[in-house]
Amino acid sequence: MTQAKQRFRTIEEYLDYDDGTDTHYELVDGKLVEMGAEKRLNEKIALWLLSQLLQFVPIDLIARGTQISVRGKTATARNPDLMILTEELDQILSQQSQSLITFDMPAPALVVEVVSPGEPGTDNYDRDYVDKPKEYAARGIPEFWQIDPSRSVVIVLTLKDGAYQSREFRGSDRVLSVAFPDLQLTAEQILRAGR
């Protein structure tokens, strides 16, 4: 990740910014942070999971590339790999000029992140395992999935009393979801998607 020199005082300045490229950024402490190219495996997992969720939710409620405003120790906006929107949120976003879920909008029903490799104490690990759960819990997102191919685990975090309770699924464990109780996927199926 490299940081651009541009500095933003408001989320509106960030939304209006266009550097003329297809580079993906997150807004961190008022600065653009280039997210770099997504690993192909991560893309395949997110797209495969999207195809599976289409059995339970209309495509209009599935979002990829939509950002969400957060209040973290550094980050201002995150770009999850996959989100399931509520109907109300979809209607609101459909009338906006940018695909950003702001603080005055309802939370999505589910956020899915395919975790980047990293060990405890590294930027990737701290961002995915420390910062994002706190940020998403503060936004009131009822369910958050962490899919970690390098550790061979799918973690489902369910919001209870303002904090996430996590449950790990590995191998042939059926992934249990409050948002999708009829989902019949194992951790291995999700982790091996695209291979």
Protein backbone atom coordinates (compact mmCIF):
# COMPACT_ATOMS: atom_id res chain seq x y z
CA MET A 1 0.00 0.00 0.00
CA THR A 2 1.28 3.43 -0.92
CA GLN A 3 -0.22 6.66 0.26
CA ALA A 4 -1.14 9.46 -2.10
CA LYS A 5 -0.28 13.00 -1.01
CA GLN A 6 -3.79 14.37 -1.42
CA ARG A 7 -5.43 15.33 1.92
CA PHE A 8 -9.17 15.64 2.51
CA ARG A 9 -10.93 17.55 5.28
CA THR A 10 -14.41 16.14 4.54
CA ILE A 11 -15.93 12.98 3.11
CA GLU A 12 -17.51 15.15 0.39
CA GLU A 13 -14.05 16.27 -0.83
CA TYR A 14 -13.05 12.61 -0.99
CA LEU A 15 -16.18 11.68 -2.95
CA ASP A 16 -15.54 14.46 -5.46
CA TYR A 17 -11.92 13.39 -6.04
CA ASP A 18 -11.03 11.74 -9.35
CA ASP A 19 -7.41 11.08 -10.23
CA GLY A 20 -8.34 9.81 -13.71
CA THR A 21 -7.34 6.21 -12.93
CA ASP A 22 -9.12 3.05 -11.82
CA THR A 23 -7.06 2.92 -8.63
CA HIS A 24 -9.01 1.83 -5.54
CA TYR A 25 -8.54 3.86 -2.38
CA GLU A 26 -9.72 3.90 1.20
CA LEU A 27 -9.78 7.17 3.12
CA VAL A 28 -7.53 6.86 6.16
CA ASP A 29 -6.96 9.79 8.52
CA GLY A 30 -7.89 12.25 5.77
CA LYS A 31 -5.46 10.70 3.24
CA LEU A 32 -6.01 8.40 0.31
CA VAL A 33 -4.48 4.99 0.81
CA GLU A 34 -4.08 2.97 -2.36
CA MET A 35 -5.48 -0.48 -1.77
CA GLY A 36 -3.53 -2.11 -4.57
CA ALA A 37 -4.75 -4.92 -6.74
CA GLU A 38 -6.93 -7.53 -5.07
CA LYS A 39 -5.54 -11.06 -5.13
CA ARG A 40 -7.34 -13.08 -7.78
CA LEU A 41 -8.22 -15.76 -5.22
CA ASN A 42 -9.93 -13.13 -3.05
CA GLU A 43 -11.94 -11.91 -6.05
CA LYS A 44 -12.97 -15.47 -6.93
CA ILE A 45 -14.09 -16.21 -3.39
CA ALA A 46 -16.17 -13.01 -3.22
CA LEU A 47 -17.74 -13.61 -6.64
CA TRP A 48 -18.45 -17.29 -5.92
CA LEU A 49 -20.08 -16.37 -2.62
CA LEU A 50 -22.13 -13.72 -4.43
CA SER A 51 -23.38 -16.40 -6.83
CA GLN A 52 -24.40 -18.61 -3.89
CA LEU A 53 -26.20 -15.79 -2.08
CA LEU A 54 -28.32 -15.10 -5.17
CA GLN A 55 -30.42 -18.10 -4.09
CA PHE A 56 -31.53 -16.12 -1.04
CA VAL A 57 -31.40 -12.44 -1.93
CA PRO A 58 -32.14 -10.42 -5.09
CA ILE A 59 -29.14 -9.09 -6.99
CA ASP A 60 -30.27 -5.52 -6.24
CA LEU A 61 -29.35 -6.06 -2.60
CA ILE A 62 -25.83 -7.36 -3.28
CA ALA A 63 -23.06 -4.76 -3.39
CA ARG A 64 -19.44 -4.96 -4.53
CA GLY A 65 -17.44 -1.75 -4.78
CA THR A 66 -19.72 0.15 -2.42
CA GLN A 67 -17.90 1.93 0.38
CA ILE A 68 -19.03 2.46 3.95
CA SER A 69 -18.16 5.36 6.25
CA VAL A 70 -16.58 4.28 9.53
CA ARG A 71 -15.17 5.95 12.60
CA GLY A 72 -11.96 4.15 13.33
CA LYS A 73 -8.70 5.19 14.88
CA THR A 74 -7.50 6.00 11.35
CA ALA A 75 -9.94 4.89 8.65
CA THR A 76 -12.83 7.04 7.43
CA ALA A 77 -14.21 4.78 4.68
CA ARG A 78 -13.87 1.06 3.98
CA ASN A 79 -14.48 -0.90 0.78
CA PRO A 80 -15.67 -4.41 1.76
CA ASP A 81 -15.38 -7.31 -0.66
CA LEU A 82 -19.12 -7.96 -0.53
CA MET A 83 -22.17 -6.50 1.22
CA ILE A 84 -25.81 -7.46 1.49
CA LEU A 85 -27.96 -4.35 1.70
CA THR A 86 -31.36 -3.93 3.25
CA GLU A 87 -34.14 -2.85 0.89
CA GLU A 88 -34.27 0.55 2.59
CA LEU A 89 -30.51 1.04 2.16
CA ASP A 90 -30.66 -0.01 -1.50
CA GLN A 91 -33.39 2.56 -2.16
CA ILE A 92 -31.38 5.32 -0.49
CA LEU A 93 -28.13 4.41 -2.30
CA SER A 94 -29.94 4.24 -5.64
CA GLN A 95 -30.71 7.95 -5.33
CA GLN A 96 -27.14 9.00 -4.41
CA SER A 97 -24.46 10.21 -6.82
CA GLN A 98 -21.80 8.03 -5.11
CA SER A 99 -21.94 4.47 -3.83
CA LEU A 100 -21.03 5.31 -0.23
CA ILE A 101 -23.00 4.33 2.85
CA THR A 102 -22.82 7.41 5.06
CA PHE A 103 -23.53 7.62 8.79
CA ASP A 104 -27.08 8.87 8.25
CA MET A 105 -27.98 5.71 6.29
CA PRO A 106 -29.02 2.34 7.73
CA ALA A 107 -26.36 -0.33 8.11
CA PRO A 108 -26.07 -3.17 5.59
CA ALA A 109 -27.38 -6.57 6.71
CA LEU A 110 -24.07 -8.35 6.12
CA VAL A 111 -20.48 -7.42 5.31
CA VAL A 112 -17.98 -9.97 3.95
CA GLU A 113 -14.23 -9.41 3.93
CA VAL A 114 -11.74 -11.80 2.36
CA VAL A 115 -8.82 -11.31 4.73
CA SER A 116 -5.40 -10.28 3.45
CA PRO A 117 -2.40 -12.37 4.54
CA GLY A 118 -0.52 -11.12 7.57
CA GLU A 119 0.65 -12.03 11.05
CA PRO A 120 -0.48 -10.39 14.30
CA GLY A 121 1.05 -6.94 14.57
CA THR A 122 1.25 -6.35 10.80
CA ASP A 123 -0.86 -3.67 9.11
CA ASN A 124 -2.95 -6.24 7.19
CA TYR A 125 -3.70 -8.33 10.28
CA ASP A 126 -4.50 -5.34 12.50
CA ARG A 127 -6.74 -3.80 9.83
CA ASP A 128 -8.71 -7.00 9.19
CA TYR A 129 -8.83 -8.56 12.66
CA VAL A 130 -8.71 -5.57 15.01
CA ASP A 131 -9.87 -2.37 13.28
CA LYS A 132 -12.65 -3.58 10.96
CA PRO A 133 -14.57 -5.58 13.59
CA LYS A 134 -14.61 -2.53 15.88
CA GLU A 135 -15.61 -0.20 13.03
CA TYR A 136 -18.36 -2.47 11.70
CA ALA A 137 -19.74 -3.16 15.19
CA ALA A 138 -19.89 0.60 15.83
CA ARG A 139 -21.90 0.94 12.58
CA GLY A 140 -24.39 -1.63 13.89
CA ILE A 141 -23.78 -4.18 11.11
CA PRO A 142 -25.55 -7.31 12.45
CA GLU A 143 -23.32 -9.88 10.74
CA PHE A 144 -19.72 -9.73 9.50
CA TRP A 145 -17.85 -12.58 7.81
CA GLN A 146 -14.07 -12.86 7.73
CA ILE A 147 -12.91 -15.35 5.12
CA ASP A 148 -9.24 -16.15 5.65
CA PRO A 149 -7.74 -18.45 2.98
CA SER A 150 -4.23 -18.37 4.51
CA ARG A 151 -5.55 -19.68 7.86
CA SER A 152 -8.23 -21.92 6.26
CA VAL A 153 -11.06 -20.46 8.34
CA VAL A 154 -14.38 -18.68 7.89
CA ILE A 155 -15.30 -16.58 10.90
CA VAL A 156 -18.89 -15.39 11.34
CA LEU A 157 -19.22 -12.46 13.73
CA THR A 158 -22.70 -11.73 15.05
CA LEU A 159 -23.49 -8.43 16.74
CA LYS A 160 -24.79 -8.73 20.30
CA ASP A 161 -25.06 -5.81 22.73
CA GLY A 162 -22.80 -3.63 20.55
CA ALA A 163 -19.95 -6.15 20.20
CA TYR A 164 -19.28 -9.09 17.93
CA GLN A 165 -19.38 -12.69 19.06
CA SER A 166 -17.36 -14.87 16.72
CA ARG A 167 -17.64 -18.46 15.63
CA GLU A 168 -15.01 -20.22 13.52
CA PHE A 169 -15.75 -22.74 10.77
CA ARG A 170 -13.14 -25.01 9.17
CA GLY A 171 -13.11 -27.89 6.71
CA SER A 172 -16.47 -29.63 6.47
CA ASP A 173 -18.12 -27.42 9.13
CA ARG A 174 -21.37 -25.96 7.82
CA VAL A 175 -21.15 -22.17 8.03
CA LEU A 176 -24.00 -20.98 10.26
CA SER A 177 -25.43 -17.56 9.50
CA VAL A 178 -28.19 -15.66 11.27
CA ALA A 179 -28.76 -13.62 8.10
CA PHE A 180 -28.97 -16.76 5.92
CA PRO A 181 -30.09 -19.69 8.11
CA ASP A 182 -30.87 -21.88 5.07
CA LEU A 183 -27.38 -21.50 3.60
CA GLN A 184 -25.86 -24.94 3.09
CA LEU A 185 -22.17 -24.13 2.54
CA THR A 186 -19.15 -25.55 4.29
CA ALA A 187 -16.04 -23.58 5.15
CA GLU A 188 -14.08 -25.68 2.66
CA GLN A 189 -16.49 -24.87 -0.19
CA ILE A 190 -16.11 -21.14 0.45
CA LEU A 191 -12.32 -21.27 0.93
CA ARG A 192 -11.75 -23.41 -2.18
CA ALA A 193 -13.93 -21.27 -4.44
CA GLY A 194 -12.01 -20.42 -7.57
CA ARG A 195 -9.43 -23.20 -7.18
